[in-house]
Protein backbone atom coordinates (compact mmCIF):
# COMPACT_ATOMS: atom_id res chain seq x y z
CA UNK A 1 -0.03 -0.18 -0.06
CA UNK A 2 1.20 3.29 -0.87
CA UNK A 3 1.78 5.88 1.69
CA UNK A 4 -0.09 8.76 -0.55
CA UNK A 5 -3.00 6.77 -0.85
CA UNK A 6 -3.33 5.97 2.81
CA UNK A 7 -2.86 9.49 3.79
CA UNK A 8 -5.23 10.82 1.10
CA UNK A 9 -7.73 8.03 2.52
CA UNK A 10 -7.43 9.57 6.00
CA UNK A 11 -7.70 13.44 5.19
CA UNK A 12 -10.86 13.21 3.05
CA UNK A 13 -12.81 10.63 5.41
CA UNK A 14 -15.27 12.49 8.17
CA UNK A 15 -14.36 11.72 11.40
CA UNK A 16 -16.63 11.71 14.23
CA UNK A 17 -13.95 13.36 16.16
CA UNK A 18 -13.90 16.19 13.64
CA UNK A 19 -17.94 16.77 14.16
CA UNK A 20 -18.54 14.51 11.03
CA UNK A 21 -15.96 16.93 9.29
CA UNK A 22 -12.99 15.29 7.08
CA UNK A 23 -9.58 16.88 7.85
CA UNK A 24 -9.77 18.32 4.15
CA UNK A 25 -12.77 20.15 4.45
CA UNK A 26 -11.66 21.73 8.05
CA UNK A 27 -8.15 23.01 6.04
CA UNK A 28 -9.48 24.12 2.87
CA UNK A 29 -13.19 25.31 3.73
CA UNK A 30 -14.45 22.71 1.28
CA UNK A 31 -15.33 19.37 0.46
CA UNK A 32 -13.09 17.50 -2.29
CA UNK A 33 -14.01 16.91 -5.71
CA UNK A 34 -13.50 13.54 -5.98
CA UNK A 35 -14.55 10.97 -8.89
CA UNK A 36 -18.13 9.90 -8.06
CA UNK A 37 -16.89 6.14 -7.48
CA UNK A 38 -15.01 7.26 -4.94
CA UNK A 39 -17.07 10.02 -3.30
CA UNK A 40 -20.12 7.71 -2.55
CA UNK A 41 -17.97 5.17 -0.46
CA UNK A 42 -16.09 7.73 1.51
CA UNK A 43 -19.37 9.35 2.56
CA UNK A 44 -19.53 7.48 5.77
CA UNK A 45 -18.29 8.72 8.79
CA UNK A 46 -15.15 6.81 10.48
CA UNK A 47 -15.22 6.24 14.16
CA UNK A 48 -11.70 6.28 15.36
CA UNK A 49 -12.50 4.36 18.46
CA UNK A 50 -11.58 1.11 17.13
CA UNK A 51 -8.07 0.35 15.44
CA UNK A 52 -9.74 -2.99 14.08
CA UNK A 53 -12.49 -0.50 12.43
CA UNK A 54 -9.95 2.30 11.51
CA UNK A 55 -7.57 -0.23 9.82
CA UNK A 56 -10.48 -1.66 7.63
CA UNK A 57 -11.59 1.35 6.39
CA UNK A 58 -8.39 3.32 5.88
CA UNK A 59 -7.60 0.27 3.72
CA UNK A 60 -10.47 0.39 1.71
CA UNK A 61 -10.16 4.17 1.07
CA UNK A 62 -6.57 3.49 0.03
CA UNK A 63 -7.49 0.94 -2.33
CA UNK A 64 -10.20 3.05 -3.96
CA UNK A 65 -7.71 5.88 -4.13
CA UNK A 66 -5.09 3.62 -5.76
CA UNK A 67 -7.06 2.38 -8.51
CA UNK A 68 -9.16 5.13 -9.32
CA UNK A 69 -6.96 8.35 -9.07
CA UNK A 70 -4.57 7.69 -11.62
CA UNK A 71 -7.64 7.04 -14.03
CA UNK A 72 -9.06 10.56 -12.78
CA UNK A 73 -5.81 12.20 -13.40
CA UNK A 74 -5.41 10.82 -16.83
CA UNK A 75 -8.45 12.26 -17.58
CA UNK A 76 -7.76 15.57 -16.33
CA UNK A 77 -4.52 15.63 -18.43
CA UNK A 78 -6.87 14.80 -21.47
CA UNK A 79 -9.14 17.43 -20.70
CA UNK A 80 -6.24 20.13 -20.40
CA UNK A 81 -5.33 19.74 -24.05
């Protein structure tokens, strides 16, 4: 698992400890613009009380980002030319 995808999954997940906001939203004051296939799946609020649950959620998010983001970046590159 690549570290950038793990951190991306963490930063864009909504946390109960942050009043159901994501760290991304609190930093930039807007929700991230993500491909719809990811956006729907990370809408759930993450409860950080259980390390096992947190590991499962962050692994799932990282796997999604790792699969979808290269395609999104390629589409963005094509659209800009």
